[in-house]
All heavy atoms as atom14 arrays in JSON, in Angstrom:
{
  "sequence": "NSLGGHVGLIYTLHNQEKVKTLTLTGSSGLFENGMGETYPKRGDY",
  "atom14_mask": [
    [1, 1, 1, 1, 1, 1, 1, 1, 0, 0, 0, 0, 0, 0],
    [1, 1, 1, 1, 1, 1, 0, 0, 0, 0, 0, 0, 0, 0],
    [1, 1, 1, 1, 1, 1, 1, 1, 0, 0, 0, 0, 0, 0],
    [1, 1, 1, 1, 0, 0, 0, 0, 0, 0, 0, 0, 0, 0],
    [1, 1, 1, 1, 0, 0, 0, 0, 0, 0, 0, 0, 0, 0],
    [1, 1, 1, 1, 1, 1, 1, 1, 1, 1, 0, 0, 0, 0],
    [1, 1, 1, 1, 1, 1, 1, 0, 0, 0, 0, 0, 0, 0],
    [1, 1, 1, 1, 0, 0, 0, 0, 0, 0, 0, 0, 0, 0],
    [1, 1, 1, 1, 1, 1, 1, 1, 0, 0, 0, 0, 0, 0],
    [1, 1, 1, 1, 1, 1, 1, 1, 0, 0, 0, 0, 0, 0],
    [1, 1, 1, 1, 1, 1, 1, 1, 1, 1, 1, 1, 0, 0],
    [1, 1, 1, 1, 1, 1, 1, 0, 0, 0, 0, 0, 0, 0],
    [1, 1, 1, 1, 1, 1, 1, 1, 0, 0, 0, 0, 0, 0],
    [1, 1, 1, 1, 1, 1, 1, 1, 1, 1, 0, 0, 0, 0],
    [1, 1, 1, 1, 1, 1, 1, 1, 0, 0, 0, 0, 0, 0],
    [1, 1, 1, 1, 1, 1, 1, 1, 1, 0, 0, 0, 0, 0],
    [1, 1, 1, 1, 1, 1, 1, 1, 1, 0, 0, 0, 0, 0],
    [1, 1, 1, 1, 1, 1, 1, 1, 1, 0, 0, 0, 0, 0],
    [1, 1, 1, 1, 1, 1, 1, 0, 0, 0, 0, 0, 0, 0],
    [1, 1, 1, 1, 1, 1, 1, 1, 1, 0, 0, 0, 0, 0],
    [1, 1, 1, 1, 1, 1, 1, 0, 0, 0, 0, 0, 0, 0],
    [1, 1, 1, 1, 1, 1, 1, 1, 0, 0, 0, 0, 0, 0],
    [1, 1, 1, 1, 1, 1, 1, 0, 0, 0, 0, 0, 0, 0],
    [1, 1, 1, 1, 1, 1, 1, 1, 0, 0, 0, 0, 0, 0],
    [1, 1, 1, 1, 1, 1, 1, 0, 0, 0, 0, 0, 0, 0],
    [1, 1, 1, 1, 0, 0, 0, 0, 0, 0, 0, 0, 0, 0],
    [1, 1, 1, 1, 1, 1, 0, 0, 0, 0, 0, 0, 0, 0],
    [1, 1, 1, 1, 1, 1, 0, 0, 0, 0, 0, 0, 0, 0],
    [1, 1, 1, 1, 0, 0, 0, 0, 0, 0, 0, 0, 0, 0],
    [1, 1, 1, 1, 1, 1, 1, 1, 0, 0, 0, 0, 0, 0],
    [1, 1, 1, 1, 1, 1, 1, 1, 1, 1, 1, 0, 0, 0],
    [1, 1, 1, 1, 1, 1, 1, 1, 1, 0, 0, 0, 0, 0],
    [1, 1, 1, 1, 1, 1, 1, 1, 0, 0, 0, 0, 0, 0],
    [1, 1, 1, 1, 0, 0, 0, 0, 0, 0, 0, 0, 0, 0],
    [1, 1, 1, 1, 1, 1, 1, 1, 0, 0, 0, 0, 0, 0],
    [1, 1, 1, 1, 0, 0, 0, 0, 0, 0, 0, 0, 0, 0],
    [1, 1, 1, 1, 1, 1, 1, 1, 1, 0, 0, 0, 0, 0],
    [1, 1, 1, 1, 1, 1, 1, 0, 0, 0, 0, 0, 0, 0],
    [1, 1, 1, 1, 1, 1, 1, 1, 1, 1, 1, 1, 0, 0],
    [1, 1, 1, 1, 1, 1, 1, 0, 0, 0, 0, 0, 0, 0],
    [1, 1, 1, 1, 1, 1, 1, 1, 1, 0, 0, 0, 0, 0],
    [1, 1, 1, 1, 1, 1, 1, 1, 1, 1, 1, 0, 0, 0],
    [1, 1, 1, 1, 0, 0, 0, 0, 0, 0, 0, 0, 0, 0],
    [1, 1, 1, 1, 1, 1, 1, 1, 0, 0, 0, 0, 0, 0],
    [1, 1, 1, 1, 1, 1, 1, 1, 1, 1, 1, 1, 0, 0]
  ],
  "atom14_positions": [
    [[-65.33, -165.31, -1.89], [-64.85, -164.59, -3.07], [-66.03, -163.89, -3.73], [-67.09, -164.47, -3.9], [-64.22, -165.57, -4.07], [-63.87, -164.92, -5.41], [-64.31, -165.37, -6.46], [-63.11, -163.86, -5.39], [0.0, 0.0, 0.0], [0.0, 0.0, 0.0], [0.0, 0.0, 0.0], [0.0, 0.0, 0.0], [0.0, 0.0, 0.0], [0.0, 0.0, 0.0]],
    [[-65.82, -162.61, -4.1], [-66.79, -161.86, -4.87], [-68.11, -161.78, -4.1], [-68.15, -161.38, -2.94], [-66.93, -162.52, -6.25], [-67.49, -161.62, -7.16], [0.0, 0.0, 0.0], [0.0, 0.0, 0.0], [0.0, 0.0, 0.0], [0.0, 0.0, 0.0], [0.0, 0.0, 0.0], [0.0, 0.0, 0.0], [0.0, 0.0, 0.0], [0.0, 0.0, 0.0]],
    [[-69.22, -162.22, -4.72], [-70.52, -162.2, -4.02], [-70.47, -163.07, -2.76], [-71.14, -162.77, -1.77], [-71.61, -162.71, -4.96], [-73.03, -162.63, -4.38], [-73.62, -161.23, -4.6], [-73.95, -163.66, -5.01], [0.0, 0.0, 0.0], [0.0, 0.0, 0.0], [0.0, 0.0, 0.0], [0.0, 0.0, 0.0], [0.0, 0.0, 0.0], [0.0, 0.0, 0.0]],
    [[-69.67, -164.12, -2.77], [-69.54, -164.98, -1.58], [-68.95, -164.23, -0.39], [-69.31, -164.49, 0.77], [0.0, 0.0, 0.0], [0.0, 0.0, 0.0], [0.0, 0.0, 0.0], [0.0, 0.0, 0.0], [0.0, 0.0, 0.0], [0.0, 0.0, 0.0], [0.0, 0.0, 0.0], [0.0, 0.0, 0.0], [0.0, 0.0, 0.0], [0.0, 0.0, 0.0]],
    [[-68.05, -163.29, -0.66], [-67.5, -162.45, 0.41], [-68.59, -161.59, 1.03], [-68.67, -161.42, 2.25], [0.0, 0.0, 0.0], [0.0, 0.0, 0.0], [0.0, 0.0, 0.0], [0.0, 0.0, 0.0], [0.0, 0.0, 0.0], [0.0, 0.0, 0.0], [0.0, 0.0, 0.0], [0.0, 0.0, 0.0], [0.0, 0.0, 0.0], [0.0, 0.0, 0.0]],
    [[-69.43, -161.06, 0.18], [-70.54, -160.21, 0.6], [-71.5, -161.01, 1.5], [-71.92, -160.54, 2.56], [-71.27, -159.76, -0.68], [-72.12, -158.55, -0.51], [-72.44, -157.74, -1.56], [-72.75, -158.0, 0.55], [-73.23, -156.75, -1.15], [-73.42, -156.88, 0.13], [0.0, 0.0, 0.0], [0.0, 0.0, 0.0], [0.0, 0.0, 0.0], [0.0, 0.0, 0.0]],
    [[-71.8, -162.23, 1.07], [-72.68, -163.12, 1.85], [-72.03, -163.41, 3.21], [-72.69, -163.38, 4.26], [-72.95, -164.43, 1.06], [-73.68, -165.45, 1.92], [-73.76, -164.12, -0.21], [0.0, 0.0, 0.0], [0.0, 0.0, 0.0], [0.0, 0.0, 0.0], [0.0, 0.0, 0.0], [0.0, 0.0, 0.0], [0.0, 0.0, 0.0], [0.0, 0.0, 0.0]],
    [[-70.71, -163.66, 3.19], [-69.98, -163.91, 4.43], [-70.03, -162.73, 5.38], [-70.17, -162.88, 6.6], [0.0, 0.0, 0.0], [0.0, 0.0, 0.0], [0.0, 0.0, 0.0], [0.0, 0.0, 0.0], [0.0, 0.0, 0.0], [0.0, 0.0, 0.0], [0.0, 0.0, 0.0], [0.0, 0.0, 0.0], [0.0, 0.0, 0.0], [0.0, 0.0, 0.0]],
    [[-69.94, -161.52, 4.83], [-70.0, -160.3, 5.65], [-71.37, -160.16, 6.31], [-71.47, -159.84, 7.5], [-69.73, -159.06, 4.79], [-68.26, -158.76, 4.48], [-68.16, -157.76, 3.32], [-67.54, -158.21, 5.72], [0.0, 0.0, 0.0], [0.0, 0.0, 0.0], [0.0, 0.0, 0.0], [0.0, 0.0, 0.0], [0.0, 0.0, 0.0], [0.0, 0.0, 0.0]],
    [[-72.43, -160.39, 5.54], [-73.78, -160.25, 6.1], [-74.01, -161.31, 7.17], [-74.54, -161.03, 8.25], [-74.86, -160.34, 4.99], [-74.7, -159.17, 4.02], [-76.26, -160.36, 5.59], [-75.58, -159.26, 2.79], [0.0, 0.0, 0.0], [0.0, 0.0, 0.0], [0.0, 0.0, 0.0], [0.0, 0.0, 0.0], [0.0, 0.0, 0.0], [0.0, 0.0, 0.0]],
    [[-73.58, -162.55, 6.9], [-73.71, -163.6, 7.91], [-72.96, -163.2, 9.19], [-73.48, -163.29, 10.3], [-73.17, -164.94, 7.39], [-73.13, -165.98, 8.49], [-74.3, -166.66, 8.84], [-71.97, -166.22, 9.21], [-74.29, -167.57, 9.9], [-71.96, -167.13, 10.26], [-73.12, -167.8, 10.6], [-73.12, -168.69, 11.65], [0.0, 0.0, 0.0], [0.0, 0.0, 0.0]],
    [[-71.72, -162.72, 9.02], [-70.88, -162.38, 10.17], [-71.49, -161.23, 10.98], [-71.48, -161.26, 12.22], [-69.46, -162.0, 9.69], [-68.92, -163.12, 8.97], [-68.54, -161.7, 10.86], [0.0, 0.0, 0.0], [0.0, 0.0, 0.0], [0.0, 0.0, 0.0], [0.0, 0.0, 0.0], [0.0, 0.0, 0.0], [0.0, 0.0, 0.0], [0.0, 0.0, 0.0]],
    [[-72.06, -160.25, 10.3], [-72.69, -159.12, 11.0], [-73.71, -159.61, 12.02], [-73.85, -159.03, 13.08], [-73.39, -158.2, 10.0], [-72.57, -157.03, 9.47], [-73.27, -156.38, 8.29], [-72.33, -155.99, 10.57], [0.0, 0.0, 0.0], [0.0, 0.0, 0.0], [0.0, 0.0, 0.0], [0.0, 0.0, 0.0], [0.0, 0.0, 0.0], [0.0, 0.0, 0.0]],
    [[-74.43, -160.68, 11.67], [-75.52, -161.15, 12.54], [-75.13, -162.32, 13.43], [-75.91, -162.74, 14.28], [-76.73, -161.53, 11.68], [-77.22, -160.38, 10.85], [-77.82, -159.27, 11.39], [-77.16, -160.15, 9.51], [-78.12, -158.4, 10.43], [-77.73, -158.92, 9.28], [0.0, 0.0, 0.0], [0.0, 0.0, 0.0], [0.0, 0.0, 0.0], [0.0, 0.0, 0.0]],
    [[-73.94, -162.87, 13.22], [-73.54, -164.08, 13.96], [-72.07, -164.03, 14.37], [-71.34, -165.01, 14.2], [-73.76, -165.34, 13.09], [-75.2, -165.47, 12.6], [-76.04, -166.0, 13.29], [-75.46, -164.97, 11.41], [0.0, 0.0, 0.0], [0.0, 0.0, 0.0], [0.0, 0.0, 0.0], [0.0, 0.0, 0.0], [0.0, 0.0, 0.0], [0.0, 0.0, 0.0]],
    [[-71.64, -162.9, 14.93], [-70.19, -162.76, 15.19], [-69.66, -163.83, 16.12], [-68.51, -164.25, 16.01], [-69.88, -161.39, 15.76], [-70.2, -160.3, 14.75], [-69.35, -159.07, 14.91], [-68.14, -159.16, 14.97], [-70.0, -157.92, 14.96], [0.0, 0.0, 0.0], [0.0, 0.0, 0.0], [0.0, 0.0, 0.0], [0.0, 0.0, 0.0], [0.0, 0.0, 0.0]],
    [[-70.52, -164.27, 17.04], [-70.04, -165.24, 18.04], [-69.72, -166.59, 17.39], [-69.0, -167.4, 17.97], [-71.07, -165.4, 19.18], [-72.37, -166.13, 18.82], [-73.29, -165.42, 17.8], [-73.13, -164.2, 17.55], [-74.17, -166.1, 17.25], [0.0, 0.0, 0.0], [0.0, 0.0, 0.0], [0.0, 0.0, 0.0], [0.0, 0.0, 0.0], [0.0, 0.0, 0.0]],
    [[-70.21, -166.8, 16.17], [-69.99, -168.08, 15.48], [-68.76, -168.06, 14.58], [-68.34, -169.09, 14.07], [-71.19, -168.42, 14.59], [-72.47, -168.65, 15.33], [-72.75, -170.13, 15.38], [-74.1, -170.45, 15.95], [-74.0, -171.49, 16.97], [0.0, 0.0, 0.0], [0.0, 0.0, 0.0], [0.0, 0.0, 0.0], [0.0, 0.0, 0.0], [0.0, 0.0, 0.0]],
    [[-68.24, -166.86, 14.3], [-67.21, -166.74, 13.27], [-65.85, -166.48, 13.94], [-65.67, -165.49, 14.64], [-67.54, -165.59, 12.29], [-66.48, -165.49, 11.19], [-68.91, -165.82, 11.66], [0.0, 0.0, 0.0], [0.0, 0.0, 0.0], [0.0, 0.0, 0.0], [0.0, 0.0, 0.0], [0.0, 0.0, 0.0], [0.0, 0.0, 0.0], [0.0, 0.0, 0.0]],
    [[-64.93, -167.4, 13.7], [-63.6, -167.26, 14.3], [-62.74, -166.32, 13.45], [-62.04, -165.47, 13.97], [-62.95, -168.64, 14.4], [-61.76, -168.66, 15.34], [-61.4, -170.08, 15.72], [-60.27, -170.07, 16.73], [-59.84, -171.42, 17.08], [0.0, 0.0, 0.0], [0.0, 0.0, 0.0], [0.0, 0.0, 0.0], [0.0, 0.0, 0.0], [0.0, 0.0, 0.0]],
    [[-62.79, -166.51, 12.14], [-62.09, -165.6, 11.23], [-62.93, -165.44, 9.96], [-63.74, -166.31, 9.62], [-60.71, -166.14, 10.78], [-60.9, -167.29, 9.96], [-59.8, -166.47, 11.95], [0.0, 0.0, 0.0], [0.0, 0.0, 0.0], [0.0, 0.0, 0.0], [0.0, 0.0, 0.0], [0.0, 0.0, 0.0], [0.0, 0.0, 0.0], [0.0, 0.0, 0.0]],
    [[-62.69, -164.32, 9.28], [-63.35, -164.04, 8.01], [-62.27, -163.66, 7.0], [-61.39, -162.86, 7.31], [-64.33, -162.87, 8.21], [-65.06, -162.34, 6.99], [-65.97, -163.4, 6.38], [-65.88, -161.1, 7.37], [0.0, 0.0, 0.0], [0.0, 0.0, 0.0], [0.0, 0.0, 0.0], [0.0, 0.0, 0.0], [0.0, 0.0, 0.0], [0.0, 0.0, 0.0]],
    [[-62.31, -164.26, 5.82], [-61.36, -163.9, 4.77], [-62.15, -163.47, 3.54], [-63.08, -164.17, 3.11], [-60.45, -165.1, 4.42], [-59.71, -165.45, 5.6], [-59.47, -164.75, 3.31], [0.0, 0.0, 0.0], [0.0, 0.0, 0.0], [0.0, 0.0, 0.0], [0.0, 0.0, 0.0], [0.0, 0.0, 0.0], [0.0, 0.0, 0.0], [0.0, 0.0, 0.0]],
    [[-61.78, -162.32, 3.0], [-62.46, -161.78, 1.82], [-61.46, -161.63, 0.69], [-60.35, -161.15, 0.9], [-63.05, -160.41, 2.13], [-64.0, -160.31, 3.34], [-64.37, -158.85, 3.59], [-65.25, -161.14, 3.11], [0.0, 0.0, 0.0], [0.0, 0.0, 0.0], [0.0, 0.0, 0.0], [0.0, 0.0, 0.0], [0.0, 0.0, 0.0], [0.0, 0.0, 0.0]],
    [[-61.87, -162.02, -0.49], [-61.04, -161.8, -1.66], [-61.94, -161.33, -2.8], [-62.94, -161.97, -3.1], [-60.22, -163.06, -2.02], [-59.35, -162.76, -3.1], [-61.06, -164.25, -2.37], [0.0, 0.0, 0.0], [0.0, 0.0, 0.0], [0.0, 0.0, 0.0], [0.0, 0.0, 0.0], [0.0, 0.0, 0.0], [0.0, 0.0, 0.0], [0.0, 0.0, 0.0]],
    [[-61.64, -160.15, -3.35], [-62.49, -159.6, -4.41], [-63.94, -159.51, -3.99], [-64.84, -159.79, -4.77], [0.0, 0.0, 0.0], [0.0, 0.0, 0.0], [0.0, 0.0, 0.0], [0.0, 0.0, 0.0], [0.0, 0.0, 0.0], [0.0, 0.0, 0.0], [0.0, 0.0, 0.0], [0.0, 0.0, 0.0], [0.0, 0.0, 0.0], [0.0, 0.0, 0.0]],
    [[-64.17, -159.1, -2.74], [-65.54, -159.14, -2.21], [-66.37, -157.95, -2.67], [-65.87, -156.82, -2.74], [-65.47, -159.15, -0.67], [-66.78, -159.16, -0.14], [0.0, 0.0, 0.0], [0.0, 0.0, 0.0], [0.0, 0.0, 0.0], [0.0, 0.0, 0.0], [0.0, 0.0, 0.0], [0.0, 0.0, 0.0], [0.0, 0.0, 0.0], [0.0, 0.0, 0.0]],
    [[-67.64, -158.2, -2.93], [-68.56, -157.09, -3.11], [-69.06, -156.67, -1.73], [-68.69, -157.25, -0.72], [-69.71, -157.47, -4.05], [-70.44, -158.56, -3.56], [0.0, 0.0, 0.0], [0.0, 0.0, 0.0], [0.0, 0.0, 0.0], [0.0, 0.0, 0.0], [0.0, 0.0, 0.0], [0.0, 0.0, 0.0], [0.0, 0.0, 0.0], [0.0, 0.0, 0.0]],
    [[-69.9, -155.65, -1.67], [-70.37, -155.16, -0.39], [-70.1, -153.67, -0.23], [-70.75, -152.98, 0.54], [0.0, 0.0, 0.0], [0.0, 0.0, 0.0], [0.0, 0.0, 0.0], [0.0, 0.0, 0.0], [0.0, 0.0, 0.0], [0.0, 0.0, 0.0], [0.0, 0.0, 0.0], [0.0, 0.0, 0.0], [0.0, 0.0, 0.0], [0.0, 0.0, 0.0]],
    [[-69.12, -153.17, -0.97], [-68.87, -151.72, -1.0], [-69.07, -151.18, -2.41], [-69.79, -150.23, -2.64], [-67.44, -151.41, -0.53], [-67.16, -151.62, 0.95], [-65.68, -151.41, 1.25], [-68.0, -150.69, 1.82], [0.0, 0.0, 0.0], [0.0, 0.0, 0.0], [0.0, 0.0, 0.0], [0.0, 0.0, 0.0], [0.0, 0.0, 0.0], [0.0, 0.0, 0.0]],
    [[-68.4, -151.84, -3.37], [-68.47, -151.35, -4.75], [-67.99, -152.44, -5.68], [-67.03, -153.14, -5.37], [-67.53, -150.14, -4.91], [-67.28, -149.8, -6.35], [-68.19, -149.01, -7.05], [-66.16, -150.28, -7.01], [-67.97, -148.73, -8.39], [-65.95, -150.0, -8.37], [-66.85, -149.21, -9.04], [0.0, 0.0, 0.0], [0.0, 0.0, 0.0], [0.0, 0.0, 0.0]],
    [[-68.66, -152.61, -6.79], [-68.1, -153.49, -7.82], [-68.51, -153.03, -9.22], [-69.59, -152.46, -9.38], [-68.5, -154.94, -7.6], [-69.96, -155.27, -7.78], [-70.79, -155.09, -6.52], [-70.3, -154.53, -5.53], [-71.96, -155.5, -6.55], [0.0, 0.0, 0.0], [0.0, 0.0, 0.0], [0.0, 0.0, 0.0], [0.0, 0.0, 0.0], [0.0, 0.0, 0.0]],
    [[-67.62, -153.25, -10.17], [-67.95, -153.07, -11.59], [-68.55, -154.38, -12.02], [-67.82, -155.32, -12.3], [-66.68, -152.86, -12.42], [-66.08, -151.5, -12.18], [-66.8, -150.53, -12.14], [-64.76, -151.45, -12.01], [0.0, 0.0, 0.0], [0.0, 0.0, 0.0], [0.0, 0.0, 0.0], [0.0, 0.0, 0.0], [0.0, 0.0, 0.0], [0.0, 0.0, 0.0]],
    [[-69.85, -154.48, -12.09], [-70.4, -155.82, -12.14], [-70.45, -156.46, -13.49], [-70.38, -155.83, -14.52], [0.0, 0.0, 0.0], [0.0, 0.0, 0.0], [0.0, 0.0, 0.0], [0.0, 0.0, 0.0], [0.0, 0.0, 0.0], [0.0, 0.0, 0.0], [0.0, 0.0, 0.0], [0.0, 0.0, 0.0], [0.0, 0.0, 0.0], [0.0, 0.0, 0.0]],
    [[-70.64, -157.79, -13.42], [-71.22, -158.55, -14.51], [-72.7, -158.18, -14.52], [-73.52, -158.79, -15.17], [-71.13, -160.05, -14.21], [-69.81, -160.69, -14.56], [-69.68, -160.89, -16.35], [-68.78, -162.4, -16.48], [0.0, 0.0, 0.0], [0.0, 0.0, 0.0], [0.0, 0.0, 0.0], [0.0, 0.0, 0.0], [0.0, 0.0, 0.0], [0.0, 0.0, 0.0]],
    [[-73.1, -157.24, -13.68], [-74.52, -157.04, -13.4], [-75.21, -156.14, -14.4], [-76.4, -155.95, -14.29], [0.0, 0.0, 0.0], [0.0, 0.0, 0.0], [0.0, 0.0, 0.0], [0.0, 0.0, 0.0], [0.0, 0.0, 0.0], [0.0, 0.0, 0.0], [0.0, 0.0, 0.0], [0.0, 0.0, 0.0], [0.0, 0.0, 0.0], [0.0, 0.0, 0.0]],
    [[-74.51, -155.58, -15.36], [-75.28, -154.76, -16.3], [-76.04, -155.72, -17.19], [-75.6, -156.81, -17.47], [-74.4, -153.79, -17.1], [-73.53, -154.43, -18.1], [-72.18, -154.8, -17.55], [-72.03, -154.84, -16.32], [-71.3, -155.05, -18.36], [0.0, 0.0, 0.0], [0.0, 0.0, 0.0], [0.0, 0.0, 0.0], [0.0, 0.0, 0.0], [0.0, 0.0, 0.0]],
    [[-77.16, -155.28, -17.68], [-78.24, -156.18, -18.07], [-77.97, -157.17, -19.19], [-78.9, -157.54, -19.89], [-79.44, -155.34, -18.47], [-78.92, -154.33, -19.36], [-80.05, -154.63, -17.28], [0.0, 0.0, 0.0], [0.0, 0.0, 0.0], [0.0, 0.0, 0.0], [0.0, 0.0, 0.0], [0.0, 0.0, 0.0], [0.0, 0.0, 0.0], [0.0, 0.0, 0.0]],
    [[-76.77, -157.61, -19.39], [-76.51, -158.61, -20.43], [-77.1, -158.27, -21.77], [-77.98, -158.97, -22.26], [-77.06, -159.98, -20.03], [-76.13, -160.64, -19.11], [-76.5, -160.95, -17.83], [-74.83, -160.9, -19.52], [-75.6, -161.52, -16.97], [-73.94, -161.46, -18.66], [-74.33, -161.77, -17.39], [-73.44, -162.32, -16.54], [0.0, 0.0, 0.0], [0.0, 0.0, 0.0]],
    [[-76.68, -157.18, -22.41], [-77.26, -156.84, -23.7], [-76.96, -157.91, -24.74], [-77.72, -158.12, -25.66], [-76.57, -155.53, -24.07], [-75.31, -155.52, -23.27], [-75.6, -156.29, -22.02], [0.0, 0.0, 0.0], [0.0, 0.0, 0.0], [0.0, 0.0, 0.0], [0.0, 0.0, 0.0], [0.0, 0.0, 0.0], [0.0, 0.0, 0.0], [0.0, 0.0, 0.0]],
    [[-75.84, -158.61, -24.58], [-75.43, -159.53, -25.64], [-75.4, -160.94, -25.11], [-74.39, -161.61, -25.16], [-74.03, -159.15, -26.14], [-73.86, -157.67, -26.46], [-72.56, -157.47, -27.2], [-72.25, -156.02, -27.51], [-71.94, -155.23, -26.32], [0.0, 0.0, 0.0], [0.0, 0.0, 0.0], [0.0, 0.0, 0.0], [0.0, 0.0, 0.0], [0.0, 0.0, 0.0]],
    [[-76.52, -161.37, -24.58], [-76.53, -162.65, -23.9], [-76.03, -163.8, -24.77], [-75.31, -164.66, -24.31], [-77.96, -162.96, -23.47], [-78.04, -163.32, -22.04], [-79.44, -163.43, -21.6], [-80.3, -163.79, -22.7], [-81.37, -164.53, -22.59], [-81.68, -165.0, -21.43], [-82.12, -164.79, -23.61], [0.0, 0.0, 0.0], [0.0, 0.0, 0.0], [0.0, 0.0, 0.0]],
    [[-76.45, -163.8, -26.02], [-76.12, -164.94, -26.86], [-74.76, -164.82, -27.54], [-74.4, -165.64, -28.37], [0.0, 0.0, 0.0], [0.0, 0.0, 0.0], [0.0, 0.0, 0.0], [0.0, 0.0, 0.0], [0.0, 0.0, 0.0], [0.0, 0.0, 0.0], [0.0, 0.0, 0.0], [0.0, 0.0, 0.0], [0.0, 0.0, 0.0], [0.0, 0.0, 0.0]],
    [[-74.02, -163.77, -27.21], [-72.78, -163.48, -27.93], [-71.6, -164.11, -27.19], [-71.12, -163.61, -26.19], [-72.66, -161.95, -28.02], [-71.39, -161.53, -28.78], [-70.48, -162.36, -28.92], [-71.33, -160.36, -29.2], [0.0, 0.0, 0.0], [0.0, 0.0, 0.0], [0.0, 0.0, 0.0], [0.0, 0.0, 0.0], [0.0, 0.0, 0.0], [0.0, 0.0, 0.0]],
    [[-71.12, -165.23, -27.72], [-70.06, -165.99, -27.05], [-68.79, -165.16, -26.87], [-68.15, -165.18, -25.82], [-69.76, -167.26, -27.85], [-68.81, -168.2, -27.14], [-69.29, -169.13, -26.22], [-67.43, -168.17, -27.39], [-68.42, -170.0, -25.55], [-66.56, -169.02, -26.73], [-67.06, -169.94, -25.81], [-66.2, -170.78, -25.14], [0.0, 0.0, 0.0], [0.0, 0.0, 0.0]]
  ]
}
């Protein structure tokens, strides 16, 4: 899921013989509107 899907894709690219199936849900790797903008309001609950 999410970043985990991206990690799964990179692993699979290099180890296809080890992967029987791959499932992605909300995966990054192409495009995402991230939580990644620099947290301007870190302390703001």
